[in-house]
All heavy atoms as atom14 arrays in JSON, in Angstrom:
{
  "sequence": "FEVWVSWGLTGAVLLWFVISPKLKHRQVIKSVHRQTLRERRISQS",
  "atom14_mask": [
    [1, 1, 1, 1, 1, 1, 1, 1, 1, 1, 1, 0, 0, 0],
    [1, 1, 1, 1, 1, 1, 1, 1, 1, 0, 0, 0, 0, 0],
    [1, 1, 1, 1, 1, 1, 1, 0, 0, 0, 0, 0, 0, 0],
    [1, 1, 1, 1, 1, 1, 1, 1, 1, 1, 1, 1, 1, 1],
    [1, 1, 1, 1, 1, 1, 1, 0, 0, 0, 0, 0, 0, 0],
    [1, 1, 1, 1, 1, 1, 0, 0, 0, 0, 0, 0, 0, 0],
    [1, 1, 1, 1, 1, 1, 1, 1, 1, 1, 1, 1, 1, 1],
    [1, 1, 1, 1, 0, 0, 0, 0, 0, 0, 0, 0, 0, 0],
    [1, 1, 1, 1, 1, 1, 1, 1, 0, 0, 0, 0, 0, 0],
    [1, 1, 1, 1, 1, 1, 1, 0, 0, 0, 0, 0, 0, 0],
    [1, 1, 1, 1, 0, 0, 0, 0, 0, 0, 0, 0, 0, 0],
    [1, 1, 1, 1, 1, 0, 0, 0, 0, 0, 0, 0, 0, 0],
    [1, 1, 1, 1, 1, 1, 1, 0, 0, 0, 0, 0, 0, 0],
    [1, 1, 1, 1, 1, 1, 1, 1, 0, 0, 0, 0, 0, 0],
    [1, 1, 1, 1, 1, 1, 1, 1, 0, 0, 0, 0, 0, 0],
    [1, 1, 1, 1, 1, 1, 1, 1, 1, 1, 1, 1, 1, 1],
    [1, 1, 1, 1, 1, 1, 1, 1, 1, 1, 1, 0, 0, 0],
    [1, 1, 1, 1, 1, 1, 1, 0, 0, 0, 0, 0, 0, 0],
    [1, 1, 1, 1, 1, 1, 1, 1, 0, 0, 0, 0, 0, 0],
    [1, 1, 1, 1, 1, 1, 0, 0, 0, 0, 0, 0, 0, 0],
    [1, 1, 1, 1, 1, 1, 1, 0, 0, 0, 0, 0, 0, 0],
    [1, 1, 1, 1, 1, 1, 1, 1, 1, 0, 0, 0, 0, 0],
    [1, 1, 1, 1, 1, 1, 1, 1, 0, 0, 0, 0, 0, 0],
    [1, 1, 1, 1, 1, 1, 1, 1, 1, 0, 0, 0, 0, 0],
    [1, 1, 1, 1, 1, 1, 1, 1, 1, 1, 0, 0, 0, 0],
    [1, 1, 1, 1, 1, 1, 1, 1, 1, 1, 1, 0, 0, 0],
    [1, 1, 1, 1, 1, 1, 1, 1, 1, 0, 0, 0, 0, 0],
    [1, 1, 1, 1, 1, 1, 1, 0, 0, 0, 0, 0, 0, 0],
    [1, 1, 1, 1, 1, 1, 1, 1, 0, 0, 0, 0, 0, 0],
    [1, 1, 1, 1, 1, 1, 1, 1, 1, 0, 0, 0, 0, 0],
    [1, 1, 1, 1, 1, 1, 0, 0, 0, 0, 0, 0, 0, 0],
    [1, 1, 1, 1, 1, 1, 1, 0, 0, 0, 0, 0, 0, 0],
    [1, 1, 1, 1, 1, 1, 1, 1, 1, 1, 0, 0, 0, 0],
    [1, 1, 1, 1, 1, 1, 1, 1, 1, 1, 1, 0, 0, 0],
    [1, 1, 1, 1, 1, 1, 1, 1, 1, 0, 0, 0, 0, 0],
    [1, 1, 1, 1, 1, 1, 1, 0, 0, 0, 0, 0, 0, 0],
    [1, 1, 1, 1, 1, 1, 1, 1, 0, 0, 0, 0, 0, 0],
    [1, 1, 1, 1, 1, 1, 1, 1, 1, 1, 1, 0, 0, 0],
    [1, 1, 1, 1, 1, 1, 1, 1, 1, 0, 0, 0, 0, 0],
    [1, 1, 1, 1, 1, 1, 1, 1, 1, 1, 1, 0, 0, 0],
    [1, 1, 1, 1, 1, 1, 1, 1, 1, 1, 1, 0, 0, 0],
    [1, 1, 1, 1, 1, 1, 1, 1, 0, 0, 0, 0, 0, 0],
    [1, 1, 1, 1, 1, 1, 0, 0, 0, 0, 0, 0, 0, 0],
    [1, 1, 1, 1, 1, 1, 1, 1, 1, 0, 0, 0, 0, 0],
    [1, 1, 1, 1, 1, 1, 0, 0, 0, 0, 0, 0, 0, 0]
  ],
  "atom14_positions": [
    [[102.77, 47.8, -74.49], [103.67, 46.64, -74.5], [104.91, 46.94, -75.35], [106.04, 46.7, -74.91], [102.95, 45.4, -75.03], [103.83, 44.19, -75.09], [104.19, 43.52, -73.93], [104.31, 43.73, -76.31], [105.01, 42.4, -73.99], [105.13, 42.62, -76.38], [105.47, 41.95, -75.22], [0.0, 0.0, 0.0], [0.0, 0.0, 0.0], [0.0, 0.0, 0.0]],
    [[104.71, 47.44, -76.55], [105.84, 47.73, -77.43], [106.75, 48.8, -76.85], [107.97, 48.73, -76.97], [105.36, 48.16, -78.82], [104.73, 47.06, -79.64], [103.24, 46.87, -79.35], [102.69, 47.57, -78.49], [102.65, 45.99, -80.01], [0.0, 0.0, 0.0], [0.0, 0.0, 0.0], [0.0, 0.0, 0.0], [0.0, 0.0, 0.0], [0.0, 0.0, 0.0]],
    [[106.15, 49.81, -76.21], [106.95, 50.88, -75.61], [107.81, 50.33, -74.49], [109.02, 50.6, -74.43], [106.03, 52.02, -75.1], [106.82, 53.01, -74.27], [105.34, 52.71, -76.27], [0.0, 0.0, 0.0], [0.0, 0.0, 0.0], [0.0, 0.0, 0.0], [0.0, 0.0, 0.0], [0.0, 0.0, 0.0], [0.0, 0.0, 0.0], [0.0, 0.0, 0.0]],
    [[107.23, 49.55, -73.59], [108.0, 49.03, -72.46], [109.03, 48.0, -72.9], [110.13, 47.93, -72.33], [107.08, 48.45, -71.39], [106.37, 49.54, -70.65], [105.05, 49.83, -70.68], [106.98, 50.54, -69.81], [104.78, 50.93, -69.91], [105.96, 51.39, -69.36], [108.28, 50.79, -69.41], [106.19, 52.46, -68.52], [108.52, 51.87, -68.56], [107.49, 52.69, -68.13]],
    [[108.73, 47.23, -73.92], [109.73, 46.3, -74.45], [110.91, 47.06, -75.04], [112.08, 46.71, -74.82], [109.11, 45.34, -75.5], [110.18, 44.58, -76.25], [108.15, 44.37, -74.83], [0.0, 0.0, 0.0], [0.0, 0.0, 0.0], [0.0, 0.0, 0.0], [0.0, 0.0, 0.0], [0.0, 0.0, 0.0], [0.0, 0.0, 0.0], [0.0, 0.0, 0.0]],
    [[110.64, 48.13, -75.76], [111.74, 48.91, -76.34], [112.57, 49.57, -75.25], [113.8, 49.63, -75.35], [111.2, 49.95, -77.32], [110.43, 50.92, -76.66], [0.0, 0.0, 0.0], [0.0, 0.0, 0.0], [0.0, 0.0, 0.0], [0.0, 0.0, 0.0], [0.0, 0.0, 0.0], [0.0, 0.0, 0.0], [0.0, 0.0, 0.0], [0.0, 0.0, 0.0]],
    [[111.93, 50.06, -74.19], [112.68, 50.63, -73.06], [113.54, 49.55, -72.4], [114.71, 49.78, -72.06], [111.73, 51.23, -72.02], [111.35, 52.64, -72.3], [110.17, 53.08, -72.82], [112.15, 53.8, -72.07], [110.18, 54.43, -72.95], [111.38, 54.91, -72.48], [113.42, 54.01, -71.58], [111.87, 56.21, -72.4], [113.9, 55.3, -71.5], [113.13, 56.39, -71.9]],
    [[112.98, 48.38, -72.22], [113.71, 47.28, -71.59], [114.91, 46.85, -72.42], [116.0, 46.64, -71.89], [0.0, 0.0, 0.0], [0.0, 0.0, 0.0], [0.0, 0.0, 0.0], [0.0, 0.0, 0.0], [0.0, 0.0, 0.0], [0.0, 0.0, 0.0], [0.0, 0.0, 0.0], [0.0, 0.0, 0.0], [0.0, 0.0, 0.0], [0.0, 0.0, 0.0]],
    [[114.72, 46.72, -73.73], [115.83, 46.33, -74.61], [116.91, 47.41, -74.63], [118.11, 47.1, -74.62], [115.32, 46.06, -76.02], [114.51, 44.77, -76.19], [113.95, 44.69, -77.6], [115.36, 43.56, -75.88], [0.0, 0.0, 0.0], [0.0, 0.0, 0.0], [0.0, 0.0, 0.0], [0.0, 0.0, 0.0], [0.0, 0.0, 0.0], [0.0, 0.0, 0.0]],
    [[116.49, 48.65, -74.65], [117.46, 49.75, -74.63], [118.28, 49.72, -73.34], [119.5, 49.85, -73.35], [116.76, 51.1, -74.79], [116.03, 51.11, -76.02], [117.74, 52.25, -74.76], [0.0, 0.0, 0.0], [0.0, 0.0, 0.0], [0.0, 0.0, 0.0], [0.0, 0.0, 0.0], [0.0, 0.0, 0.0], [0.0, 0.0, 0.0], [0.0, 0.0, 0.0]],
    [[117.6, 49.51, -72.23], [118.29, 49.43, -70.94], [119.26, 48.25, -70.89], [120.37, 48.37, -70.38], [0.0, 0.0, 0.0], [0.0, 0.0, 0.0], [0.0, 0.0, 0.0], [0.0, 0.0, 0.0], [0.0, 0.0, 0.0], [0.0, 0.0, 0.0], [0.0, 0.0, 0.0], [0.0, 0.0, 0.0], [0.0, 0.0, 0.0], [0.0, 0.0, 0.0]],
    [[118.84, 47.11, -71.45], [119.7, 45.92, -71.46], [120.95, 46.16, -72.31], [122.06, 45.78, -71.92], [118.92, 44.72, -71.99], [0.0, 0.0, 0.0], [0.0, 0.0, 0.0], [0.0, 0.0, 0.0], [0.0, 0.0, 0.0], [0.0, 0.0, 0.0], [0.0, 0.0, 0.0], [0.0, 0.0, 0.0], [0.0, 0.0, 0.0], [0.0, 0.0, 0.0]],
    [[120.78, 46.79, -73.45], [121.93, 47.08, -74.31], [122.88, 48.06, -73.64], [124.1, 47.87, -73.66], [121.46, 47.62, -75.69], [122.62, 48.17, -76.49], [120.76, 46.51, -76.46], [0.0, 0.0, 0.0], [0.0, 0.0, 0.0], [0.0, 0.0, 0.0], [0.0, 0.0, 0.0], [0.0, 0.0, 0.0], [0.0, 0.0, 0.0], [0.0, 0.0, 0.0]],
    [[122.35, 49.1, -73.02], [123.2, 50.07, -72.32], [123.95, 49.4, -71.17], [125.13, 49.67, -70.94], [122.37, 51.24, -71.81], [121.84, 52.18, -72.9], [120.94, 53.24, -72.27], [122.98, 52.83, -73.65], [0.0, 0.0, 0.0], [0.0, 0.0, 0.0], [0.0, 0.0, 0.0], [0.0, 0.0, 0.0], [0.0, 0.0, 0.0], [0.0, 0.0, 0.0]],
    [[123.27, 48.53, -70.44], [123.92, 47.79, -69.36], [125.03, 46.9, -69.9], [126.12, 46.81, -69.33], [122.88, 46.96, -68.61], [123.3, 46.32, -67.31], [123.72, 47.39, -66.31], [122.16, 45.5, -66.75], [0.0, 0.0, 0.0], [0.0, 0.0, 0.0], [0.0, 0.0, 0.0], [0.0, 0.0, 0.0], [0.0, 0.0, 0.0], [0.0, 0.0, 0.0]],
    [[124.79, 46.25, -71.03], [125.81, 45.4, -71.66], [127.02, 46.24, -72.09], [128.17, 45.79, -71.96], [125.23, 44.67, -72.87], [126.26, 43.84, -73.56], [126.82, 44.07, -74.76], [126.86, 42.65, -73.07], [127.74, 43.11, -75.06], [127.78, 42.21, -74.04], [126.7, 41.91, -71.91], [128.55, 41.07, -73.87], [127.47, 40.76, -71.75], [128.38, 40.36, -72.72]],
    [[126.79, 47.45, -72.56], [127.89, 48.33, -72.97], [128.76, 48.73, -71.77], [129.92, 49.09, -71.95], [127.38, 49.58, -73.67], [126.94, 49.35, -75.09], [126.09, 50.25, -75.7], [127.38, 48.27, -75.82], [125.69, 50.07, -77.01], [126.98, 48.07, -77.12], [126.14, 48.98, -77.72], [0.0, 0.0, 0.0], [0.0, 0.0, 0.0], [0.0, 0.0, 0.0]],
    [[128.22, 48.68, -70.58], [128.99, 49.01, -69.39], [129.69, 47.76, -68.85], [130.86, 47.81, -68.48], [128.06, 49.62, -68.3], [128.79, 49.76, -66.99], [127.54, 50.96, -68.77], [0.0, 0.0, 0.0], [0.0, 0.0, 0.0], [0.0, 0.0, 0.0], [0.0, 0.0, 0.0], [0.0, 0.0, 0.0], [0.0, 0.0, 0.0], [0.0, 0.0, 0.0]],
    [[129.0, 46.64, -68.8], [129.53, 45.42, -68.19], [130.56, 44.73, -69.07], [131.59, 44.26, -68.58], [128.37, 44.46, -67.85], [127.53, 45.05, -66.73], [128.89, 43.1, -67.45], [126.28, 44.28, -66.44], [0.0, 0.0, 0.0], [0.0, 0.0, 0.0], [0.0, 0.0, 0.0], [0.0, 0.0, 0.0], [0.0, 0.0, 0.0], [0.0, 0.0, 0.0]],
    [[130.34, 44.67, -70.36], [131.21, 43.93, -71.27], [132.67, 44.39, -71.22], [133.57, 43.56, -71.11], [130.66, 44.01, -72.69], [131.5, 43.35, -73.59], [0.0, 0.0, 0.0], [0.0, 0.0, 0.0], [0.0, 0.0, 0.0], [0.0, 0.0, 0.0], [0.0, 0.0, 0.0], [0.0, 0.0, 0.0], [0.0, 0.0, 0.0], [0.0, 0.0, 0.0]],
    [[132.97, 45.68, -71.3], [134.38, 46.09, -71.24], [135.03, 45.77, -69.89], [136.21, 45.45, -69.83], [134.34, 47.6, -71.46], [133.04, 47.88, -72.11], [132.11, 46.82, -71.63], [0.0, 0.0, 0.0], [0.0, 0.0, 0.0], [0.0, 0.0, 0.0], [0.0, 0.0, 0.0], [0.0, 0.0, 0.0], [0.0, 0.0, 0.0], [0.0, 0.0, 0.0]],
    [[134.26, 45.84, -68.82], [134.82, 45.52, -67.51], [135.2, 44.04, -67.43], [136.25, 43.69, -66.89], [133.83, 45.87, -66.4], [133.65, 47.35, -66.23], [132.72, 47.67, -65.1], [132.53, 49.17, -65.06], [132.49, 49.71, -63.74], [0.0, 0.0, 0.0], [0.0, 0.0, 0.0], [0.0, 0.0, 0.0], [0.0, 0.0, 0.0], [0.0, 0.0, 0.0]],
    [[134.36, 43.18, -67.97], [134.67, 41.75, -67.99], [135.89, 41.47, -68.86], [136.76, 40.67, -68.5], [133.47, 40.94, -68.48], [132.24, 40.96, -67.58], [131.1, 40.22, -68.25], [132.55, 40.37, -66.22], [0.0, 0.0, 0.0], [0.0, 0.0, 0.0], [0.0, 0.0, 0.0], [0.0, 0.0, 0.0], [0.0, 0.0, 0.0], [0.0, 0.0, 0.0]],
    [[135.97, 42.12, -69.99], [137.1, 41.93, -70.9], [138.39, 42.43, -70.24], [139.44, 41.79, -70.35], [136.86, 42.67, -72.21], [137.91, 42.46, -73.24], [137.97, 41.02, -73.7], [138.95, 40.85, -74.82], [139.14, 39.47, -75.2], [0.0, 0.0, 0.0], [0.0, 0.0, 0.0], [0.0, 0.0, 0.0], [0.0, 0.0, 0.0], [0.0, 0.0, 0.0]],
    [[138.33, 43.56, -69.54], [139.49, 44.1, -68.85], [139.99, 43.11, -67.8], [141.19, 42.86, -67.7], [139.12, 45.43, -68.2], [140.21, 46.02, -67.38], [141.33, 46.59, -67.94], [140.38, 46.12, -66.04], [142.13, 47.01, -66.98], [141.57, 46.74, -65.82], [0.0, 0.0, 0.0], [0.0, 0.0, 0.0], [0.0, 0.0, 0.0], [0.0, 0.0, 0.0]],
    [[139.08, 42.54, -67.04], [139.45, 41.55, -66.02], [140.12, 40.34, -66.66], [141.11, 39.82, -66.15], [138.21, 41.13, -65.24], [138.51, 40.23, -64.07], [137.28, 39.89, -63.28], [136.69, 41.12, -62.76], [135.43, 41.25, -62.41], [134.61, 40.25, -62.52], [134.97, 42.4, -61.94], [0.0, 0.0, 0.0], [0.0, 0.0, 0.0], [0.0, 0.0, 0.0]],
    [[139.6, 39.9, -67.8], [140.16, 38.75, -68.51], [141.58, 39.06, -69.0], [142.48, 38.23, -68.9], [139.26, 38.38, -69.69], [139.72, 37.21, -70.48], [138.81, 36.95, -71.68], [138.0, 37.81, -72.06], [138.93, 35.8, -72.27], [0.0, 0.0, 0.0], [0.0, 0.0, 0.0], [0.0, 0.0, 0.0], [0.0, 0.0, 0.0], [0.0, 0.0, 0.0]],
    [[141.8, 40.25, -69.51], [143.12, 40.64, -70.01], [144.12, 40.72, -68.85], [145.26, 40.25, -68.97], [143.05, 41.99, -70.77], [144.43, 42.55, -71.02], [142.29, 41.81, -72.07], [0.0, 0.0, 0.0], [0.0, 0.0, 0.0], [0.0, 0.0, 0.0], [0.0, 0.0, 0.0], [0.0, 0.0, 0.0], [0.0, 0.0, 0.0], [0.0, 0.0, 0.0]],
    [[143.7, 41.27, -67.73], [144.58, 41.37, -66.55], [144.99, 39.98, -66.08], [146.17, 39.73, -65.79], [143.89, 42.16, -65.41], [143.67, 43.61, -65.82], [144.69, 42.07, -64.13], [144.94, 44.38, -66.09], [0.0, 0.0, 0.0], [0.0, 0.0, 0.0], [0.0, 0.0, 0.0], [0.0, 0.0, 0.0], [0.0, 0.0, 0.0], [0.0, 0.0, 0.0]],
    [[144.07, 39.04, -66.02], [144.4, 37.67, -65.62], [145.36, 37.03, -66.6], [146.3, 36.33, -66.2], [143.12, 36.82, -65.51], [142.29, 37.13, -64.3], [141.06, 36.24, -64.27], [140.19, 36.55, -63.08], [139.0, 35.7, -63.03], [0.0, 0.0, 0.0], [0.0, 0.0, 0.0], [0.0, 0.0, 0.0], [0.0, 0.0, 0.0], [0.0, 0.0, 0.0]],
    [[145.15, 37.25, -67.88], [146.02, 36.7, -68.9], [147.44, 37.25, -68.78], [148.43, 36.49, -68.87], [145.46, 37.0, -70.29], [146.34, 36.57, -71.28], [0.0, 0.0, 0.0], [0.0, 0.0, 0.0], [0.0, 0.0, 0.0], [0.0, 0.0, 0.0], [0.0, 0.0, 0.0], [0.0, 0.0, 0.0], [0.0, 0.0, 0.0], [0.0, 0.0, 0.0]],
    [[147.56, 38.54, -68.55], [148.89, 39.15, -68.39], [149.57, 38.6, -67.14], [150.77, 38.31, -67.15], [148.77, 40.69, -68.33], [150.07, 41.33, -67.88], [148.34, 41.23, -69.67], [0.0, 0.0, 0.0], [0.0, 0.0, 0.0], [0.0, 0.0, 0.0], [0.0, 0.0, 0.0], [0.0, 0.0, 0.0], [0.0, 0.0, 0.0], [0.0, 0.0, 0.0]],
    [[148.82, 38.43, -66.07], [149.38, 37.88, -64.84], [149.89, 36.46, -65.05], [151.0, 36.12, -64.62], [148.33, 37.92, -63.73], [148.83, 37.41, -62.41], [149.79, 38.07, -61.68], [148.5, 36.31, -61.71], [150.04, 37.38, -60.58], [149.26, 36.32, -60.58], [0.0, 0.0, 0.0], [0.0, 0.0, 0.0], [0.0, 0.0, 0.0], [0.0, 0.0, 0.0]],
    [[149.1, 35.62, -65.74], [149.54, 34.25, -66.02], [150.8, 34.25, -66.88], [151.72, 33.47, -66.63], [148.42, 33.48, -66.72], [147.35, 32.99, -65.81], [146.46, 31.96, -66.49], [145.97, 32.4, -67.79], [144.79, 32.96, -67.99], [143.97, 33.16, -66.98], [144.4, 33.32, -69.2], [0.0, 0.0, 0.0], [0.0, 0.0, 0.0], [0.0, 0.0, 0.0]],
    [[150.85, 35.11, -67.87], [152.02, 35.19, -68.75], [153.25, 35.63, -67.95], [154.34, 35.09, -68.14], [151.76, 36.17, -69.9], [152.91, 36.32, -70.86], [153.16, 35.06, -71.67], [152.26, 34.25, -71.87], [154.38, 34.88, -72.12], [0.0, 0.0, 0.0], [0.0, 0.0, 0.0], [0.0, 0.0, 0.0], [0.0, 0.0, 0.0], [0.0, 0.0, 0.0]],
    [[153.09, 36.57, -67.04], [154.21, 37.04, -66.22], [154.72, 35.91, -65.33], [155.94, 35.71, -65.22], [153.76, 38.23, -65.34], [153.25, 39.25, -66.18], [154.91, 38.76, -64.51], [0.0, 0.0, 0.0], [0.0, 0.0, 0.0], [0.0, 0.0, 0.0], [0.0, 0.0, 0.0], [0.0, 0.0, 0.0], [0.0, 0.0, 0.0], [0.0, 0.0, 0.0]],
    [[153.83, 35.17, -64.72], [154.24, 34.04, -63.89], [154.96, 32.98, -64.71], [155.98, 32.42, -64.29], [153.04, 33.42, -63.18], [152.36, 34.27, -62.11], [151.13, 33.57, -61.57], [153.33, 34.6, -61.0], [0.0, 0.0, 0.0], [0.0, 0.0, 0.0], [0.0, 0.0, 0.0], [0.0, 0.0, 0.0], [0.0, 0.0, 0.0], [0.0, 0.0, 0.0]],
    [[154.46, 32.71, -65.91], [155.08, 31.73, -66.79], [156.5, 32.16, -67.16], [157.44, 31.37, -67.1], [154.22, 31.55, -68.04], [154.71, 30.48, -68.98], [153.8, 30.34, -70.21], [152.41, 30.13, -69.86], [151.41, 30.92, -70.22], [151.65, 32.0, -70.96], [150.17, 30.67, -69.87], [0.0, 0.0, 0.0], [0.0, 0.0, 0.0], [0.0, 0.0, 0.0]],
    [[156.66, 33.42, -67.53], [157.98, 33.92, -67.89], [158.93, 33.89, -66.7], [160.12, 33.6, -66.87], [157.87, 35.34, -68.46], [157.21, 35.39, -69.82], [156.96, 36.79, -70.32], [157.27, 37.76, -69.58], [156.44, 36.93, -71.44], [0.0, 0.0, 0.0], [0.0, 0.0, 0.0], [0.0, 0.0, 0.0], [0.0, 0.0, 0.0], [0.0, 0.0, 0.0]],
    [[158.43, 34.16, -65.52], [159.27, 34.12, -64.31], [159.75, 32.7, -64.05], [160.92, 32.48, -63.72], [158.48, 34.65, -63.12], [159.35, 34.86, -61.88], [158.55, 35.45, -60.75], [158.01, 36.76, -61.14], [156.96, 37.32, -60.59], [156.3, 36.73, -59.62], [156.53, 38.5, -61.0], [0.0, 0.0, 0.0], [0.0, 0.0, 0.0], [0.0, 0.0, 0.0]],
    [[158.84, 31.7, -64.2], [159.24, 30.3, -64.0], [160.28, 29.88, -65.02], [161.26, 29.2, -64.68], [158.02, 29.39, -64.1], [157.15, 29.38, -62.89], [156.17, 28.22, -62.91], [155.45, 28.08, -64.17], [154.25, 28.58, -64.43], [153.63, 29.29, -63.51], [153.67, 28.41, -65.59], [0.0, 0.0, 0.0], [0.0, 0.0, 0.0], [0.0, 0.0, 0.0]],
    [[160.11, 30.29, -66.26], [161.07, 29.93, -67.31], [162.43, 30.56, -67.01], [163.47, 29.9, -67.11], [160.55, 30.38, -68.7], [159.35, 29.53, -69.11], [161.66, 30.31, -69.75], [158.65, 30.03, -70.35], [0.0, 0.0, 0.0], [0.0, 0.0, 0.0], [0.0, 0.0, 0.0], [0.0, 0.0, 0.0], [0.0, 0.0, 0.0], [0.0, 0.0, 0.0]],
    [[162.44, 31.8, -66.6], [163.68, 32.48, -66.29], [164.38, 31.83, -65.1], [165.59, 31.67, -65.09], [163.39, 33.95, -66.06], [163.97, 34.45, -64.93], [0.0, 0.0, 0.0], [0.0, 0.0, 0.0], [0.0, 0.0, 0.0], [0.0, 0.0, 0.0], [0.0, 0.0, 0.0], [0.0, 0.0, 0.0], [0.0, 0.0, 0.0], [0.0, 0.0, 0.0]],
    [[163.62, 31.41, -64.09], [164.22, 30.74, -62.92], [164.8, 29.39, -63.31], [165.87, 29.01, -62.82], [163.18, 30.57, -61.82], [162.84, 31.86, -61.12], [161.71, 31.68, -60.12], [161.09, 30.62, -60.03], [161.44, 32.74, -59.36], [0.0, 0.0, 0.0], [0.0, 0.0, 0.0], [0.0, 0.0, 0.0], [0.0, 0.0, 0.0], [0.0, 0.0, 0.0]],
    [[164.12, 28.66, -64.18], [164.64, 27.36, -64.59], [165.89, 27.51, -65.44], [166.8, 26.69, -65.38], [163.57, 26.56, -65.33], [163.28, 27.14, -66.56], [0.0, 0.0, 0.0], [0.0, 0.0, 0.0], [0.0, 0.0, 0.0], [0.0, 0.0, 0.0], [0.0, 0.0, 0.0], [0.0, 0.0, 0.0], [0.0, 0.0, 0.0], [0.0, 0.0, 0.0]]
  ]
}
């Protein structure tokens, strides 16, 4: 039980290390896009 739990936790942490940066990257890209649109609207006005 302890061995399989440790393998499972290790796998979960490694998976989080892969998924977390991808989610953060997507969030940053959306933020930059919103900022660009906002600046474009301000410049047009």
